[in-house]
N, C-alpha and C. Protein backbone atom coordinates (compact mmCIF):
# COMPACT_ATOMS: atom_id res chain seq x y z
N MET A 1 2.02 -40.91 72.30
CA MET A 1 2.84 -40.24 73.38
C MET A 1 1.89 -40.39 74.64
N THR A 2 2.58 -40.63 75.72
CA THR A 2 2.03 -40.89 77.04
C THR A 2 2.54 -39.71 78.03
N ILE A 3 1.40 -39.04 78.64
CA ILE A 3 1.91 -38.04 79.63
C ILE A 3 1.71 -38.22 80.97
N ALA A 4 2.53 -38.26 81.98
CA ALA A 4 2.14 -38.62 83.36
C ALA A 4 1.88 -37.21 84.01
N LEU A 5 0.64 -37.51 84.64
CA LEU A 5 0.13 -36.28 85.55
C LEU A 5 0.32 -36.65 86.93
N TYR A 6 0.92 -35.74 87.89
CA TYR A 6 0.99 -36.02 89.27
C TYR A 6 0.39 -34.92 89.87
N HIS A 7 -0.31 -35.41 91.25
CA HIS A 7 -0.92 -34.40 92.02
C HIS A 7 -0.42 -34.70 93.38
N PHE A 8 0.00 -33.69 94.15
CA PHE A 8 0.56 -33.64 95.52
C PHE A 8 -0.36 -32.66 96.44
N HIS A 9 -0.76 -33.02 97.49
CA HIS A 9 -1.53 -32.21 98.33
C HIS A 9 -1.18 -32.47 99.92
N VAL A 10 -0.95 -31.40 100.48
CA VAL A 10 -0.26 -31.39 101.75
C VAL A 10 -1.38 -30.69 102.71
N THR A 11 -1.82 -31.34 103.86
CA THR A 11 -2.79 -30.79 104.86
C THR A 11 -1.97 -30.73 106.08
N ARG A 12 -1.90 -29.53 106.78
CA ARG A 12 -1.28 -29.41 107.99
C ARG A 12 -2.26 -30.02 109.15
N ILE A 13 -1.53 -30.60 110.13
CA ILE A 13 -2.34 -31.16 111.30
C ILE A 13 -1.76 -30.39 112.53
N LYS A 14 -2.93 -29.69 113.28
CA LYS A 14 -2.57 -28.72 114.15
C LYS A 14 -3.00 -29.26 115.51
N ARG A 15 -1.99 -29.47 116.48
CA ARG A 15 -2.36 -29.86 117.93
C ARG A 15 -3.21 -28.79 118.48
N SER A 16 -2.94 -27.58 118.19
CA SER A 16 -3.63 -26.42 118.73
C SER A 16 -5.35 -26.27 118.49
N ALA A 17 -5.49 -26.92 117.36
CA ALA A 17 -6.78 -26.95 116.84
C ALA A 17 -7.58 -28.42 117.34
N GLY A 18 -6.76 -29.11 118.21
CA GLY A 18 -7.32 -30.27 118.70
C GLY A 18 -7.08 -31.63 117.73
N GLN A 19 -6.35 -31.53 116.75
CA GLN A 19 -6.10 -32.49 115.82
C GLN A 19 -4.74 -33.42 116.34
N SER A 20 -5.02 -34.58 116.00
CA SER A 20 -3.82 -35.58 116.29
C SER A 20 -3.27 -36.09 115.05
N ALA A 21 -2.02 -36.00 114.93
CA ALA A 21 -1.35 -36.67 113.80
C ALA A 21 -1.40 -38.19 113.81
N VAL A 22 -1.33 -38.59 115.11
CA VAL A 22 -1.70 -40.18 115.19
C VAL A 22 -2.95 -40.72 114.71
N ALA A 23 -4.01 -39.79 115.22
CA ALA A 23 -5.28 -40.14 114.82
C ALA A 23 -5.32 -40.10 113.06
N ALA A 24 -4.91 -39.16 112.76
CA ALA A 24 -4.95 -38.85 111.09
C ALA A 24 -4.17 -39.94 110.35
N ALA A 25 -2.93 -40.49 111.02
CA ALA A 25 -2.37 -41.50 110.40
C ALA A 25 -3.19 -42.76 110.50
N ALA A 26 -3.67 -43.15 111.70
CA ALA A 26 -4.61 -44.29 111.80
C ALA A 26 -5.77 -44.32 110.97
N TYR A 27 -6.39 -43.28 110.78
CA TYR A 27 -7.60 -43.07 109.83
C TYR A 27 -7.25 -43.26 108.32
N ARG A 28 -6.13 -42.90 108.01
CA ARG A 28 -5.59 -43.12 106.55
C ARG A 28 -5.05 -44.40 106.26
N SER A 29 -4.41 -45.01 107.26
CA SER A 29 -3.98 -46.37 107.00
C SER A 29 -4.86 -47.45 107.46
N GLY A 30 -5.99 -47.10 108.10
CA GLY A 30 -6.97 -48.09 108.61
C GLY A 30 -6.49 -48.96 109.56
N GLU A 31 -5.72 -48.38 110.51
CA GLU A 31 -4.98 -49.29 111.52
C GLU A 31 -5.42 -48.69 112.95
N LYS A 32 -5.03 -49.44 113.96
CA LYS A 32 -5.15 -49.01 115.41
C LYS A 32 -3.76 -48.52 115.66
N LEU A 33 -3.80 -47.30 116.23
CA LEU A 33 -2.45 -46.79 116.64
C LEU A 33 -2.63 -45.99 117.87
N HIS A 34 -1.52 -46.09 118.90
CA HIS A 34 -1.60 -45.36 120.12
C HIS A 34 -0.72 -44.14 120.22
N SER A 35 -1.41 -43.04 120.74
CA SER A 35 -0.75 -41.78 120.83
C SER A 35 -0.31 -41.60 122.31
N GLU A 36 1.15 -41.54 122.38
CA GLU A 36 1.68 -41.48 123.66
C GLU A 36 1.59 -40.01 124.14
N HIS A 37 1.43 -38.95 123.37
CA HIS A 37 1.20 -37.64 123.85
C HIS A 37 -0.33 -37.35 124.61
N TYR A 38 -1.35 -37.99 123.86
CA TYR A 38 -2.69 -37.98 124.54
C TYR A 38 -3.07 -39.13 125.27
N SER A 39 -2.18 -40.25 125.43
CA SER A 39 -2.35 -41.52 126.13
C SER A 39 -3.76 -42.06 125.70
N GLU A 40 -4.00 -42.19 124.48
CA GLU A 40 -5.30 -42.71 123.75
C GLU A 40 -5.00 -43.49 122.54
N ASP A 41 -6.01 -44.38 122.33
CA ASP A 41 -5.89 -45.32 121.13
C ASP A 41 -6.73 -44.73 120.03
N SER A 42 -6.31 -44.73 118.74
CA SER A 42 -7.16 -44.28 117.62
C SER A 42 -7.31 -45.51 116.59
N ASP A 43 -8.54 -46.17 116.72
CA ASP A 43 -8.80 -47.44 116.21
C ASP A 43 -9.65 -47.20 115.04
N TYR A 44 -9.04 -47.34 113.67
CA TYR A 44 -9.73 -47.27 112.53
C TYR A 44 -9.62 -48.39 111.78
N ALA A 45 -9.39 -49.57 112.57
CA ALA A 45 -9.14 -50.91 111.91
C ALA A 45 -10.42 -51.55 111.18
N LYS A 46 -11.37 -50.93 111.54
CA LYS A 46 -12.74 -51.60 110.95
C LYS A 46 -13.47 -50.62 109.89
N ARG A 47 -12.56 -49.59 109.57
CA ARG A 47 -13.15 -48.55 108.70
C ARG A 47 -13.23 -49.35 107.19
N ALA A 48 -14.13 -48.90 106.37
CA ALA A 48 -14.21 -49.49 105.06
C ALA A 48 -13.44 -48.87 104.07
N ALA A 49 -12.65 -49.42 103.39
CA ALA A 49 -11.56 -48.95 102.38
C ALA A 49 -12.14 -48.22 101.38
C-alpha cells in the first residue's frame, strides 16, 4: 500500500515590510525579473540551484 503525503506552505510577502513579490519570484525561479513598482531589476540568474 502506498500513501501520498503532501505539504503546502504559504508565506506572505509584505510591501510594508520592504519585501518585493517580484524579487521573491526572481529568487525562487533563479531568473532576472523587473519590478515596475520599484523600477528595479532583481537578478538571481546566477544563483546556484
